[in-house]
Every structure is written in structure tokens, then in C-alpha cells.
Amino acid sequence: MPGLFCLTVSVSFGAASTQWPIPPPPTVTILRATTAPLPRGVDARPPVMQSSASTAPLARAATPPAKFAGDLPAPASSPTPTLLPRPAPIPTATPIPQQPFRFIYTPPLSVEEAASLIRATVDILSMKDPATLVARCQKACEIMDAVSAYLNVLDRRHSSLASYQWHLVDSEKVDGPGVDRDIFLARPVIHNVSAISFAASFGDVLIHSVEVQDANGQTTTFTLKRLVEEKYPHEQICYLFFPTAVRSVAIQYEAKTRTTRTPRLAVFAGIALEEEYLKQALWYLRYARREAIQAALLSPNTDAHLHAACQNLRLAAQRLIRFRINAR
């Protein structure tokens, strides 16, 4: 801004006139605007103006020229706050507890359905879920019971007795008033035996148990409590699951009716001309069920029992397929 000047004029009243003392001129304060414009965002206070009536000017520090925002010193950095972990959200609903193993099925009505259920049982026992092991073993046993019941009915309906050839093993007297035990020896060993039948003479005979021993010394036991009537030979039959070379048959029995003569019992070995696939499938199912029950006990050999159960189930399914092919 332009400067402000106050001029003092001397007044003369002639040359000879007396000159009056001239007072000192007043102090003039010159105000100038700064040449640098104020930047945006910088809060600059206006300069303090000194009054002309003051006899002593106020001392103040010179105001430095304003700086741009980019030239201002950076503010002191504050410590970065530590982020605390976010608290876990509170569930808004009650979690659903683990449900027990479930498998819905219907009892089989055909060979194909029975084979499908056997394969499904293998899948159930092969699952890698230790939490549901006991429930899965129980369900597997339930399915095997349903399949076995159907195969028993199917085996009775498709009897293969017409294809059997009966060979006499031996005959013995039923001695004593109580239970007698005799061993019927086959001379020689009879091979490919699939069934044992009986015929009574001179009275009826009640059979309590039968033990069939093969050529290797292995024994198959039947608990019967069946009555062999004199008039109906080959009616009570003990079926073997696989063709066996029979060496001997041990029987516990007693005379049910007595006549003037002592009753006798004859034992016969039957050779089937047809393969007993259904009986073999039932045998594999029975052993698979036994292994599944052992696996449910959670013993150290659980994996071995599960493997044996699955292997027997696969063999049972193979026998069913062979039966279906031969029945066509």
C-alpha cells in the first residue's frame, strides 16, 4: 500500500520576525503488505498495529514470511495403536448336535435287491468315521439279518433235493433209555458231500446234535432236537454250506418210541448235482455278521474285523450273482 506522509509547513511573518520553535514531527508508521500471499489452510494471525498516540513503540518479534503447506514440518508421528483381536461372535442359534448314523432301506424282494443291499453294507462298514462305528456296525447287522431271512425263504422255495444222490455212511442201534452217542464212520471217505440225512427203523428217534468231520479233521456242528420218524426217511436234513469230504458223523440221540426191537438209525451223505449258491451266500453272511459284531466292541483289532466282514460280504454277493445266472 502507498506510504502515508505528514508534512510540516513553516510559517514566516517576514524576515525580521521572530522564529518560533518548531515542534518535532509526529511519528508516522508505514504499513506495507507482505509480498507472499497466504497459503490455503494456513492460519496466520493479522499483524498488530501500533497506535500513533503511543510514545514508545511495542517491541515484538518479526513475523517470518508464511510458507506453503508442502514446506511445513511434518507433525510429530504418534505411536501406532495395537489392534486387539476381534472377539468371537456370539452364536445366534443353538448348534445341532451330531446325529447318529442312519440308513433307510426296505427288505429285499428279489435277488438283485439282496445283492444291492450287500454292496451297500460293504460301503457302510468301509466309511472312515470312527464316531459312528458302533451305529454303522449295528445297522450292517440289521441289513444282513433282513437279507438272510429273504435268502432262507428263497432257498426253501428253490429246493435242490431232487438233484441229490444219497450214499449210506453207517447205521447203529439206539441203546439205553437215555441219550446215546455214536460215531458213524464212512468207509471210504465220501467226497463232495453237501447234506446229511437220516432214516429210522423199528421206531422213531430223537436227534439232539450232529457233528460232521471232514478229511482234514474240521468239524461242523448242528444243534437239531428233531424227530426222525420211521415212516418219513430223508426228511430231516443237515445242509453243509460247501461240498465236503466226510470222514465221520457223530450223533447224540435217543429212542422216542420203542417196540419189541431196538430202534436203529441210518446216516446218509448226499451229493448234490447242482451248486448250493444260496446256502454258501448264507454262510458268508453269517461270518460277516460275526465279524461286524466283533468290530463294534472297539477292540484293538477293529480294522481287521471290518476288513474280514467286508470280504465275506463280497463273497456272498458273488454267490448271489452266480445263483441268478444259473437260475435263468
C-alpha atoms as a PDB file:
ATOM      1  CA  MET A   1       0.000   0.000   0.000  1.00  0.00           C
ATOM      2  CA  PRO A   2       1.382   3.520  -0.640  1.00  0.00           C
ATOM      3  CA  GLY A   3       3.080   5.283   2.191  1.00  0.00           C
ATOM      4  CA  LEU A   4       1.357   7.983   4.225  1.00  0.00           C
ATOM      5  CA  PHE A   5       3.307  11.211   4.649  1.00  0.00           C
ATOM      6  CA  CYS A   6       2.500  14.105   7.022  1.00  0.00           C
ATOM      7  CA  LEU A   7       4.202  17.373   6.008  1.00  0.00           C
ATOM      8  CA  THR A   8       5.050  20.185   8.421  1.00  0.00           C
ATOM      9  CA  VAL A   9       4.826  23.704   6.900  1.00  0.00           C
ATOM     10  CA  SER A  10       6.894  26.517   8.325  1.00  0.00           C
ATOM     11  CA  VAL A  11       5.025  29.853   8.532  1.00  0.00           C
ATOM     12  CA  SER A  12       7.090  33.075   8.256  1.00  0.00           C
ATOM     13  CA  PHE A  13       5.876  36.563   9.163  1.00  0.00           C
ATOM     14  CA  GLY A  14       8.693  38.449   7.481  1.00  0.00           C
ATOM     15  CA  ALA A  15      12.470  38.395   7.629  1.00  0.00           C
ATOM     16  CA  ALA A  16      12.742  40.374  10.855  1.00  0.00           C
ATOM     17  CA  SER A  17      10.087  38.435  12.563  1.00  0.00           C
ATOM     18  CA  THR A  18      10.992  36.222  15.461  1.00  0.00           C
ATOM     19  CA  GLN A  19      11.077  32.457  14.560  1.00  0.00           C
ATOM     20  CA  TRP A  20       9.001  30.237  16.852  1.00  0.00           C
ATOM     21  CA  PRO A  21      10.325  26.943  17.915  1.00  0.00           C
ATOM     22  CA  ILE A  22       9.271  24.202  15.546  1.00  0.00           C
ATOM     23  CA  PRO A  23       7.841  21.092  17.333  1.00  0.00           C
ATOM     24  CA  PRO A  24       9.109  17.690  16.261  1.00  0.00           C
ATOM     25  CA  PRO A  25       7.025  15.966  13.632  1.00  0.00           C
ATOM     26  CA  PRO A  26       4.777  13.131  14.764  1.00  0.00           C
ATOM     27  CA  THR A  27       5.944   9.597  14.272  1.00  0.00           C
ATOM     28  CA  VAL A  28       4.489   8.068  11.138  1.00  0.00           C
ATOM     29  CA  THR A  29       4.155   4.340  10.931  1.00  0.00           C
ATOM     30  CA  ILE A  30       4.476   2.966   7.462  1.00  0.00           C
ATOM     31  CA  LEU A  31       2.471  -0.186   6.858  1.00  0.00           C
ATOM     32  CA  ARG A  32       3.345  -2.408   3.924  1.00  0.00           C
ATOM     33  CA  ALA A  33       1.661  -5.537   2.750  1.00  0.00           C
ATOM     34  CA  THR A  34       3.702  -8.709   2.504  1.00  0.00           C
ATOM     35  CA  THR A  35       4.520  -9.715  -0.982  1.00  0.00           C
ATOM     36  CA  ALA A  36       3.872 -13.504  -0.415  1.00  0.00           C
ATOM     37  CA  PRO A  37       0.220 -14.461  -0.414  1.00  0.00           C
ATOM     38  CA  LEU A  38      -1.097 -16.555   2.445  1.00  0.00           C
ATOM     39  CA  PRO A  39      -1.450 -20.215   1.508  1.00  0.00           C
ATOM     40  CA  ARG A  40      -4.716 -22.054   1.912  1.00  0.00           C
ATOM     41  CA  GLY A  41      -5.154 -23.821   5.109  1.00  0.00           C
ATOM     42  CA  VAL A  42      -2.533 -21.761   6.989  1.00  0.00           C
ATOM     43  CA  ASP A  43      -3.896 -19.888   9.944  1.00  0.00           C
ATOM     44  CA  ALA A  44      -1.923 -16.617  10.065  1.00  0.00           C
ATOM     45  CA  ARG A  45      -2.774 -14.032  12.643  1.00  0.00           C
ATOM     46  CA  PRO A  46      -3.016 -10.392  11.414  1.00  0.00           C
ATOM     47  CA  PRO A  47      -0.168  -8.065  12.416  1.00  0.00           C
ATOM     48  CA  VAL A  48      -0.660  -5.902  15.485  1.00  0.00           C
ATOM     49  CA  MET A  49      -0.937  -2.200  14.615  1.00  0.00           C
ATOM     50  CA  GLN A  50       0.716   0.273  16.954  1.00  0.00           C
ATOM     51  CA  SER A  51      -1.294   3.338  17.844  1.00  0.00           C
ATOM     52  CA  SER A  52       0.179   6.721  16.798  1.00  0.00           C
ATOM     53  CA  ALA A  53      -0.622   8.145  20.229  1.00  0.00           C
ATOM     54  CA  SER A  54       1.784   5.763  21.957  1.00  0.00           C
ATOM     55  CA  THR A  55       5.059   7.432  22.964  1.00  0.00           C
ATOM     56  CA  ALA A  56       7.075   4.169  22.914  1.00  0.00           C
ATOM     57  CA  PRO A  57       6.502   1.581  20.274  1.00  0.00           C
ATOM     58  CA  LEU A  58       5.856  -2.007  21.475  1.00  0.00           C
ATOM     59  CA  ALA A  59       8.697  -4.432  20.817  1.00  0.00           C
ATOM     60  CA  ARG A  60       7.668  -7.604  19.031  1.00  0.00           C
ATOM     61  CA  ALA A  61       9.395 -10.312  17.074  1.00  0.00           C
ATOM     62  CA  ALA A  62       9.394 -10.019  13.358  1.00  0.00           C
ATOM     63  CA  THR A  63       6.815 -12.258  11.699  1.00  0.00           C
ATOM     64  CA  PRO A  64       8.552 -14.634   9.247  1.00  0.00           C
ATOM     65  CA  PRO A  65       7.013 -14.927   5.829  1.00  0.00           C
ATOM     66  CA  ALA A  66       4.348 -17.581   5.543  1.00  0.00           C
ATOM     67  CA  LYS A  67       5.272 -20.932   4.000  1.00  0.00           C
ATOM     68  CA  PHE A  68       3.392 -23.195   1.667  1.00  0.00           C
ATOM     69  CA  ALA A  69       1.690 -26.292   3.083  1.00  0.00           C
ATOM     70  CA  GLY A  70       4.288 -28.525   1.442  1.00  0.00           C
ATOM     71  CA  ASP A  71       7.079 -26.654   3.269  1.00  0.00           C
ATOM     72  CA  LEU A  72       5.514 -27.013   6.708  1.00  0.00           C
ATOM     73  CA  PRO A  73       7.209 -29.531   9.041  1.00  0.00           C
ATOM     74  CA  ALA A  74       5.521 -32.901   9.334  1.00  0.00           C
ATOM     75  CA  PRO A  75       3.559 -33.344  12.520  1.00  0.00           C
ATOM     76  CA  ALA A  76       5.100 -35.500  15.162  1.00  0.00           C
ATOM     77  CA  SER A  77       4.222 -39.109  14.495  1.00  0.00           C
ATOM     78  CA  SER A  78       2.096 -40.720  17.187  1.00  0.00           C
ATOM     79  CA  PRO A  79       2.645 -44.410  18.078  1.00  0.00           C
ATOM     80  CA  THR A  80       0.565 -46.783  16.017  1.00  0.00           C
ATOM     81  CA  PRO A  81      -2.187 -48.234  18.219  1.00  0.00           C
ATOM     82  CA  THR A  82      -2.034 -52.001  18.704  1.00  0.00           C
ATOM     83  CA  LEU A  83      -5.017 -53.771  17.139  1.00  0.00           C
ATOM     84  CA  LEU A  84      -6.709 -56.059  19.639  1.00  0.00           C
ATOM     85  CA  PRO A  85      -8.178 -59.346  18.356  1.00  0.00           C
ATOM     86  CA  ARG A  86     -11.811 -59.129  17.464  1.00  0.00           C
ATOM     87  CA  PRO A  87     -13.941 -61.019  20.000  1.00  0.00           C
ATOM     88  CA  ALA A  88     -15.556 -64.208  18.768  1.00  0.00           C
ATOM     89  CA  PRO A  89     -19.086 -63.678  17.550  1.00  0.00           C
ATOM     90  CA  ILE A  90     -21.770 -64.938  19.843  1.00  0.00           C
ATOM     91  CA  PRO A  91     -23.808 -67.661  18.082  1.00  0.00           C
ATOM     92  CA  THR A  92     -27.349 -66.634  17.485  1.00  0.00           C
ATOM     93  CA  ALA A  93     -28.611 -70.224  17.181  1.00  0.00           C
ATOM     94  CA  THR A  94     -28.023 -73.420  19.139  1.00  0.00           C
ATOM     95  CA  PRO A  95     -25.646 -75.751  17.225  1.00  0.00           C
ATOM     96  CA  ILE A  96     -27.210 -79.002  16.051  1.00  0.00           C
ATOM     97  CA  PRO A  97     -25.689 -82.000  17.876  1.00  0.00           C
ATOM     98  CA  GLN A  98     -24.190 -84.804  15.824  1.00  0.00           C
ATOM     99  CA  GLN A  99     -26.899 -87.178  14.724  1.00  0.00           C
ATOM    100  CA  PRO A 100     -26.426 -90.972  14.927  1.00  0.00           C
ATOM    101  CA  PHE A 101     -25.810 -92.881  11.730  1.00  0.00           C
ATOM    102  CA  ARG A 102     -28.993 -93.619   9.790  1.00  0.00           C
ATOM    103  CA  PHE A 103     -29.590 -95.689   6.685  1.00  0.00           C
ATOM    104  CA  ILE A 104     -33.131 -96.198   5.444  1.00  0.00           C
ATOM    105  CA  TYR A 105     -33.789 -99.335   3.433  1.00  0.00           C
ATOM    106  CA  THR A 106     -36.542-101.804   2.636  1.00  0.00           C
ATOM    107  CA  PRO A 107     -36.194-105.601   2.949  1.00  0.00           C
ATOM    108  CA  PRO A 108     -35.219-107.241  -0.346  1.00  0.00           C
ATOM    109  CA  LEU A 109     -37.841-108.760  -2.624  1.00  0.00           C
ATOM    110  CA  SER A 110     -35.513-110.064  -5.335  1.00  0.00           C
ATOM    111  CA  VAL A 111     -32.008-111.387  -5.779  1.00  0.00           C
ATOM    112  CA  GLU A 112     -30.917-108.067  -7.317  1.00  0.00           C
ATOM    113  CA  GLU A 113     -32.189-106.114  -4.301  1.00  0.00           C
ATOM    114  CA  ALA A 114     -30.443-108.513  -1.921  1.00  0.00           C
ATOM    115  CA  ALA A 115     -27.157-108.103  -3.800  1.00  0.00           C
ATOM    116  CA  SER A 116     -27.565-104.306  -3.765  1.00  0.00           C
ATOM    117  CA  LEU A 117     -28.101-104.301  -0.001  1.00  0.00           C
ATOM    118  CA  ILE A 118     -24.998-106.418   0.499  1.00  0.00           C
ATOM    119  CA  ARG A 119     -22.927-103.951  -1.527  1.00  0.00           C
ATOM    120  CA  ALA A 120     -24.433-101.066   0.465  1.00  0.00           C
ATOM    121  CA  THR A 121     -23.428-102.843   3.674  1.00  0.00           C
ATOM    122  CA  VAL A 122     -19.847-103.017   2.420  1.00  0.00           C
ATOM    123  CA  ASP A 123     -19.927 -99.242   1.839  1.00  0.00           C
ATOM    124  CA  ILE A 124     -21.318 -98.651   5.332  1.00  0.00           C
ATOM    125  CA  LEU A 125     -18.588-100.664   7.012  1.00  0.00           C
ATOM    126  CA  SER A 126     -15.875 -99.062   4.836  1.00  0.00           C
ATOM    127  CA  MET A 127     -16.678 -95.477   5.901  1.00  0.00           C
ATOM    128  CA  LYS A 128     -13.855 -93.605   7.664  1.00  0.00           C
ATOM    129  CA  ASP A 129     -15.906 -92.209  10.533  1.00  0.00           C
ATOM    130  CA  PRO A 130     -14.851 -93.536  13.961  1.00  0.00           C
ATOM    131  CA  ALA A 131     -17.602 -91.565  15.729  1.00  0.00           C
ATOM    132  CA  THR A 132     -20.353 -93.648  14.085  1.00  0.00           C
ATOM    133  CA  LEU A 133     -18.570 -97.009  14.047  1.00  0.00           C
ATOM    134  CA  VAL A 134     -20.848 -98.711  16.574  1.00  0.00           C
ATOM    135  CA  ALA A 135     -24.001 -97.385  14.918  1.00  0.00           C
ATOM    136  CA  ARG A 136     -22.763 -98.468  11.487  1.00  0.00           C
ATOM    137  CA  CYS A 137     -21.974-101.985  12.693  1.00  0.00           C
ATOM    138  CA  GLN A 138     -25.422-102.264  14.234  1.00  0.00           C
ATOM    139  CA  LYS A 139     -27.061-101.122  11.015  1.00  0.00           C
ATOM    140  CA  ALA A 140     -24.928-103.556   8.999  1.00  0.00           C
ATOM    141  CA  CYS A 141     -26.058-106.463  11.201  1.00  0.00           C
ATOM    142  CA  GLU A 142     -29.662-105.369  10.779  1.00  0.00           C
ATOM    143  CA  ILE A 143     -29.339-105.347   6.991  1.00  0.00           C
ATOM    144  CA  MET A 144     -27.608-108.745   6.952  1.00  0.00           C
ATOM    145  CA  ASP A 145     -30.430-110.215   9.054  1.00  0.00           C
ATOM    146  CA  ALA A 146     -33.001-108.952   6.553  1.00  0.00           C
ATOM    147  CA  VAL A 147     -31.055-110.357   3.584  1.00  0.00           C
ATOM    148  CA  SER A 148     -30.511-113.712   5.323  1.00  0.00           C
ATOM    149  CA  ALA A 149     -34.217-114.042   6.086  1.00  0.00           C
ATOM    150  CA  TYR A 150     -35.036-113.481   2.422  1.00  0.00           C
ATOM    151  CA  LEU A 151     -32.392-115.955   1.224  1.00  0.00           C
ATOM    152  CA  ASN A 152     -33.689-118.632   3.606  1.00  0.00           C
ATOM    153  CA  VAL A 153     -37.172-118.315   2.127  1.00  0.00           C
ATOM    154  CA  LEU A 154     -35.745-118.283  -1.390  1.00  0.00           C
ATOM    155  CA  ASP A 155     -33.657-121.387  -0.677  1.00  0.00           C
ATOM    156  CA  ARG A 156     -36.702-123.331   0.567  1.00  0.00           C
ATOM    157  CA  ARG A 157     -38.672-122.337  -2.499  1.00  0.00           C
ATOM    158  CA  HIS A 158     -35.884-123.427  -4.849  1.00  0.00           C
ATOM    159  CA  SER A 159     -35.115-126.791  -3.251  1.00  0.00           C
ATOM    160  CA  SER A 160     -32.357-128.790  -4.862  1.00  0.00           C
ATOM    161  CA  LEU A 161     -33.215-132.082  -3.153  1.00  0.00           C
ATOM    162  CA  ALA A 162     -34.294-133.613  -6.447  1.00  0.00           C
ATOM    163  CA  SER A 163     -30.686-133.480  -7.634  1.00  0.00           C
ATOM    164  CA  TYR A 164     -29.188-135.215  -4.556  1.00  0.00           C
ATOM    165  CA  GLN A 165     -27.728-138.706  -4.611  1.00  0.00           C
ATOM    166  CA  TRP A 166     -27.716-140.379  -1.168  1.00  0.00           C
ATOM    167  CA  HIS A 167     -24.897-142.673  -0.044  1.00  0.00           C
ATOM    168  CA  LEU A 168     -25.091-144.759   3.144  1.00  0.00           C
ATOM    169  CA  VAL A 169     -22.478-143.852   5.745  1.00  0.00           C
ATOM    170  CA  ASP A 170     -23.389-146.345   8.512  1.00  0.00           C
ATOM    171  CA  SER A 171     -26.225-147.471  10.801  1.00  0.00           C
ATOM    172  CA  GLU A 172     -26.253-148.014  14.588  1.00  0.00           C
ATOM    173  CA  LYS A 173     -28.631-149.162  17.316  1.00  0.00           C
ATOM    174  CA  VAL A 174     -30.020-146.635  19.732  1.00  0.00           C
ATOM    175  CA  ASP A 175     -29.025-148.161  23.052  1.00  0.00           C
ATOM    176  CA  GLY A 176     -30.082-147.254  26.534  1.00  0.00           C
ATOM    177  CA  PRO A 177     -33.097-145.494  27.957  1.00  0.00           C
ATOM    178  CA  GLY A 178     -31.303-142.145  27.918  1.00  0.00           C
ATOM    179  CA  VAL A 179     -29.243-140.145  25.405  1.00  0.00           C
ATOM    180  CA  ASP A 180     -26.761-142.230  23.427  1.00  0.00           C
ATOM    181  CA  ARG A 181     -23.798-141.046  21.342  1.00  0.00           C
ATOM    182  CA  ASP A 182     -22.405-142.990  18.397  1.00  0.00           C
ATOM    183  CA  ILE A 183     -19.875-142.251  15.694  1.00  0.00           C
ATOM    184  CA  PHE A 184     -20.785-143.245  12.140  1.00  0.00           C
ATOM    185  CA  LEU A 185     -17.635-143.880  10.092  1.00  0.00           C
ATOM    186  CA  ALA A 186     -17.528-143.528   6.311  1.00  0.00           C
ATOM    187  CA  ARG A 187     -15.549-146.334   4.693  1.00  0.00           C
ATOM    188  CA  PRO A 188     -14.071-144.950   2.491  1.00  0.00           C
ATOM    189  CA  VAL A 189     -14.262-141.163   2.771  1.00  0.00           C
ATOM    190  CA  ILE A 190     -17.191-139.754   0.760  1.00  0.00           C
ATOM    191  CA  HIS A 191     -16.263-136.670  -1.296  1.00  0.00           C
ATOM    192  CA  ASN A 192     -18.373-133.675  -2.390  1.00  0.00           C
ATOM    193  CA  VAL A 193     -20.970-134.154   0.336  1.00  0.00           C
ATOM    194  CA  SER A 194     -23.434-131.262   0.647  1.00  0.00           C
ATOM    195  CA  ALA A 195     -26.000-132.685   3.092  1.00  0.00           C
ATOM    196  CA  ILE A 196     -26.565-135.341   5.758  1.00  0.00           C
ATOM    197  CA  SER A 197     -29.929-137.123   6.087  1.00  0.00           C
ATOM    198  CA  PHE A 198     -31.348-139.818   8.355  1.00  0.00           C
ATOM    199  CA  ALA A 199     -33.652-142.797   8.272  1.00  0.00           C
ATOM    200  CA  ALA A 200     -35.110-144.572  11.339  1.00  0.00           C
ATOM    201  CA  SER A 201     -36.297-148.150  11.624  1.00  0.00           C
ATOM    202  CA  PHE A 202     -38.117-150.090  14.372  1.00  0.00           C
ATOM    203  CA  GLY A 203     -39.252-146.876  15.991  1.00  0.00           C
ATOM    204  CA  ASP A 204     -38.794-143.102  15.981  1.00  0.00           C
ATOM    205  CA  VAL A 205     -35.531-141.491  17.019  1.00  0.00           C
ATOM    206  CA  LEU A 206     -34.968-138.005  18.531  1.00  0.00           C
ATOM    207  CA  ILE A 207     -31.693-136.413  17.423  1.00  0.00           C
ATOM    208  CA  HIS A 208     -30.087-133.850  19.723  1.00  0.00           C
ATOM    209  CA  SER A 209     -26.913-132.863  17.856  1.00  0.00           C
ATOM    210  CA  VAL A 210     -24.849-133.825  14.801  1.00  0.00           C
ATOM    211  CA  GLU A 211     -21.100-133.330  14.276  1.00  0.00           C
ATOM    212  CA  VAL A 212     -19.729-133.787  10.746  1.00  0.00           C
ATOM    213  CA  GLN A 213     -15.970-134.250  10.490  1.00  0.00           C
ATOM    214  CA  ASP A 214     -14.201-133.796   7.171  1.00  0.00           C
ATOM    215  CA  ALA A 215     -10.996-135.414   5.877  1.00  0.00           C
ATOM    216  CA  ASN A 216      -8.902-132.560   7.363  1.00  0.00           C
ATOM    217  CA  GLY A 217     -10.304-133.009  10.872  1.00  0.00           C
ATOM    218  CA  GLN A 218     -12.514-129.885  10.834  1.00  0.00           C
ATOM    219  CA  THR A 219     -15.929-130.285  12.449  1.00  0.00           C
ATOM    220  CA  THR A 220     -19.300-128.747  11.612  1.00  0.00           C
ATOM    221  CA  THR A 221     -21.857-128.945  14.443  1.00  0.00           C
ATOM    222  CA  PHE A 222     -25.653-128.855  14.128  1.00  0.00           C
ATOM    223  CA  THR A 223     -27.946-128.496  17.155  1.00  0.00           C
ATOM    224  CA  LEU A 224     -31.189-130.060  15.954  1.00  0.00           C
ATOM    225  CA  LYS A 225     -33.561-131.574  18.521  1.00  0.00           C
ATOM    226  CA  ARG A 226     -35.520-133.060  15.631  1.00  0.00           C
ATOM    227  CA  LEU A 227     -37.603-136.204  15.469  1.00  0.00           C
ATOM    228  CA  VAL A 228     -36.786-138.735  12.746  1.00  0.00           C
ATOM    229  CA  GLU A 229     -39.934-140.733  12.117  1.00  0.00           C
ATOM    230  CA  GLU A 230     -39.778-144.264  10.832  1.00  0.00           C
ATOM    231  CA  LYS A 231     -42.262-143.592   8.053  1.00  0.00           C
ATOM    232  CA  TYR A 232     -40.516-140.478   6.677  1.00  0.00           C
ATOM    233  CA  PRO A 233     -36.856-141.095   5.804  1.00  0.00           C
ATOM    234  CA  HIS A 234     -34.639-138.295   4.438  1.00  0.00           C
ATOM    235  CA  GLU A 235     -36.978-135.682   5.830  1.00  0.00           C
ATOM    236  CA  GLN A 236     -34.617-134.207   8.436  1.00  0.00           C
ATOM    237  CA  ILE A 237     -31.568-132.891   6.585  1.00  0.00           C
ATOM    238  CA  CYS A 238     -28.417-131.095   7.737  1.00  0.00           C
ATOM    239  CA  TYR A 239     -27.082-128.990   4.864  1.00  0.00           C
ATOM    240  CA  LEU A 240     -23.395-128.270   4.564  1.00  0.00           C
ATOM    241  CA  PHE A 241     -22.517-124.880   3.158  1.00  0.00           C
ATOM    242  CA  PHE A 242     -19.772-126.194   0.887  1.00  0.00           C
ATOM    243  CA  PRO A 243     -19.035-129.641  -0.611  1.00  0.00           C
ATOM    244  CA  THR A 244     -17.039-131.576   1.981  1.00  0.00           C
ATOM    245  CA  ALA A 245     -15.149-134.868   2.082  1.00  0.00           C
ATOM    246  CA  VAL A 246     -16.925-136.592   5.010  1.00  0.00           C
ATOM    247  CA  ARG A 247     -14.936-138.956   7.211  1.00  0.00           C
ATOM    248  CA  SER A 248     -17.313-139.455  10.143  1.00  0.00           C
ATOM    249  CA  VAL A 249     -20.594-138.288  11.666  1.00  0.00           C
ATOM    250  CA  ALA A 250     -21.059-138.199  15.468  1.00  0.00           C
ATOM    251  CA  ILE A 251     -24.683-138.112  16.685  1.00  0.00           C
ATOM    252  CA  GLN A 252     -26.307-137.695  20.102  1.00  0.00           C
ATOM    253  CA  TYR A 253     -29.776-139.271  20.025  1.00  0.00           C
ATOM    254  CA  GLU A 254     -32.336-141.318  21.946  1.00  0.00           C
ATOM    255  CA  ALA A 255     -35.208-143.668  21.144  1.00  0.00           C
ATOM    256  CA  LYS A 256     -38.538-141.827  21.149  1.00  0.00           C
ATOM    257  CA  THR A 257     -40.776-144.885  20.699  1.00  0.00           C
ATOM    258  CA  ARG A 258     -39.901-148.473  21.480  1.00  0.00           C
ATOM    259  CA  THR A 259     -41.228-151.706  20.043  1.00  0.00           C
ATOM    260  CA  THR A 260     -40.222-155.291  20.509  1.00  0.00           C
ATOM    261  CA  ARG A 261     -36.981-154.449  18.727  1.00  0.00           C
ATOM    262  CA  THR A 262     -34.358-151.774  19.394  1.00  0.00           C
ATOM    263  CA  PRO A 263     -34.632-148.755  17.080  1.00  0.00           C
ATOM    264  CA  ARG A 264     -31.842-148.162  14.585  1.00  0.00           C
ATOM    265  CA  LEU A 265     -30.671-145.001  12.840  1.00  0.00           C
ATOM    266  CA  ALA A 266     -29.021-144.886   9.433  1.00  0.00           C
ATOM    267  CA  VAL A 267     -26.961-141.901   8.273  1.00  0.00           C
ATOM    268  CA  PHE A 268     -26.697-140.905   4.608  1.00  0.00           C
ATOM    269  CA  ALA A 269     -24.375-138.485   2.790  1.00  0.00           C
ATOM    270  CA  GLY A 270     -25.909-136.545  -0.088  1.00  0.00           C
ATOM    271  CA  ILE A 271     -24.019-135.374  -3.169  1.00  0.00           C
ATOM    272  CA  ALA A 272     -25.715-132.503  -4.988  1.00  0.00           C
ATOM    273  CA  LEU A 273     -25.542-132.255  -8.747  1.00  0.00           C
ATOM    274  CA  GLU A 274     -26.252-128.544  -8.504  1.00  0.00           C
ATOM    275  CA  GLU A 275     -24.175-125.967  -6.670  1.00  0.00           C
ATOM    276  CA  GLU A 276     -25.790-124.648  -3.471  1.00  0.00           C
ATOM    277  CA  TYR A 277     -25.087-120.956  -4.081  1.00  0.00           C
ATOM    278  CA  LEU A 278     -27.777-119.688  -1.720  1.00  0.00           C
ATOM    279  CA  LYS A 279     -26.500-121.751   1.191  1.00  0.00           C
ATOM    280  CA  GLN A 280     -22.986-120.543   0.525  1.00  0.00           C
ATOM    281  CA  ALA A 281     -24.196-116.933   0.494  1.00  0.00           C
ATOM    282  CA  LEU A 282     -25.909-117.538   3.837  1.00  0.00           C
ATOM    283  CA  TRP A 283     -22.677-118.951   5.257  1.00  0.00           C
ATOM    284  CA  TYR A 284     -20.711-115.859   4.199  1.00  0.00           C
ATOM    285  CA  LEU A 285     -23.383-113.556   5.640  1.00  0.00           C
ATOM    286  CA  ARG A 286     -23.263-115.370   8.968  1.00  0.00           C
ATOM    287  CA  TYR A 287     -19.499-114.944   9.262  1.00  0.00           C
ATOM    288  CA  ALA A 288     -19.669-111.328   8.085  1.00  0.00           C
ATOM    289  CA  ARG A 289     -22.191-110.605  10.834  1.00  0.00           C
ATOM    290  CA  ARG A 290     -19.913-112.229  13.397  1.00  0.00           C
ATOM    291  CA  GLU A 291     -17.000-110.022  12.322  1.00  0.00           C
ATOM    292  CA  ALA A 292     -19.157-106.858  12.417  1.00  0.00           C
ATOM    293  CA  ILE A 293     -20.187-107.631  15.995  1.00  0.00           C
ATOM    294  CA  GLN A 294     -16.526-108.017  16.968  1.00  0.00           C
ATOM    295  CA  ALA A 295     -15.695-104.679  15.297  1.00  0.00           C
ATOM    296  CA  ALA A 296     -18.431-102.926  17.302  1.00  0.00           C
ATOM    297  CA  LEU A 297     -16.639-103.895  20.535  1.00  0.00           C
ATOM    298  CA  LEU A 298     -13.892-101.345  19.656  1.00  0.00           C
ATOM    299  CA  SER A 299     -11.083-103.811  20.254  1.00  0.00           C
ATOM    300  CA  PRO A 300      -7.517-103.199  19.001  1.00  0.00           C
ATOM    301  CA  ASN A 301      -8.296-105.468  16.018  1.00  0.00           C
ATOM    302  CA  THR A 302     -11.284-103.415  14.872  1.00  0.00           C
ATOM    303  CA  ASP A 303      -9.821-102.724  11.424  1.00  0.00           C
ATOM    304  CA  ALA A 304      -9.079-106.414  10.878  1.00  0.00           C
ATOM    305  CA  HIS A 305     -12.644-107.368  11.835  1.00  0.00           C
ATOM    306  CA  LEU A 306     -14.079-104.732   9.487  1.00  0.00           C
ATOM    307  CA  HIS A 307     -11.881-105.986   6.645  1.00  0.00           C
ATOM    308  CA  ALA A 308     -12.967-109.605   7.252  1.00  0.00           C
ATOM    309  CA  ALA A 309     -16.636-108.590   7.369  1.00  0.00           C
ATOM    310  CA  CYS A 310     -16.382-106.722   4.059  1.00  0.00           C
ATOM    311  CA  GLN A 311     -14.543-109.627   2.439  1.00  0.00           C
ATOM    312  CA  ASN A 312     -17.258-112.107   3.459  1.00  0.00           C
ATOM    313  CA  LEU A 313     -19.943-109.730   2.202  1.00  0.00           C
ATOM    314  CA  ARG A 314     -18.273-109.504  -1.198  1.00  0.00           C
ATOM    315  CA  LEU A 315     -18.144-113.304  -1.445  1.00  0.00           C
ATOM    316  CA  ALA A 316     -21.834-113.502  -0.515  1.00  0.00           C
ATOM    317  CA  ALA A 317     -22.687-111.062  -3.299  1.00  0.00           C
ATOM    318  CA  GLN A 318     -20.689-113.167  -5.778  1.00  0.00           C
ATOM    319  CA  ARG A 319     -22.667-116.298  -4.805  1.00  0.00           C
ATOM    320  CA  LEU A 320     -25.928-114.448  -5.362  1.00  0.00           C
ATOM    321  CA  ILE A 321     -24.819-113.378  -8.842  1.00  0.00           C
ATOM    322  CA  ARG A 322     -23.920-116.967  -9.708  1.00  0.00           C
ATOM    323  CA  PHE A 323     -27.268-118.193  -8.445  1.00  0.00           C
ATOM    324  CA  ARG A 324     -29.106-115.645 -10.567  1.00  0.00           C
ATOM    325  CA  ILE A 325     -27.127-116.665 -13.674  1.00  0.00           C
ATOM    326  CA  ASN A 326     -27.760-120.391 -13.176  1.00  0.00           C
ATOM    327  CA  ALA A 327     -31.448-119.909 -12.329  1.00  0.00           C
ATOM    328  CA  ARG A 328     -32.190-118.397 -15.739  1.00  0.00           C
END
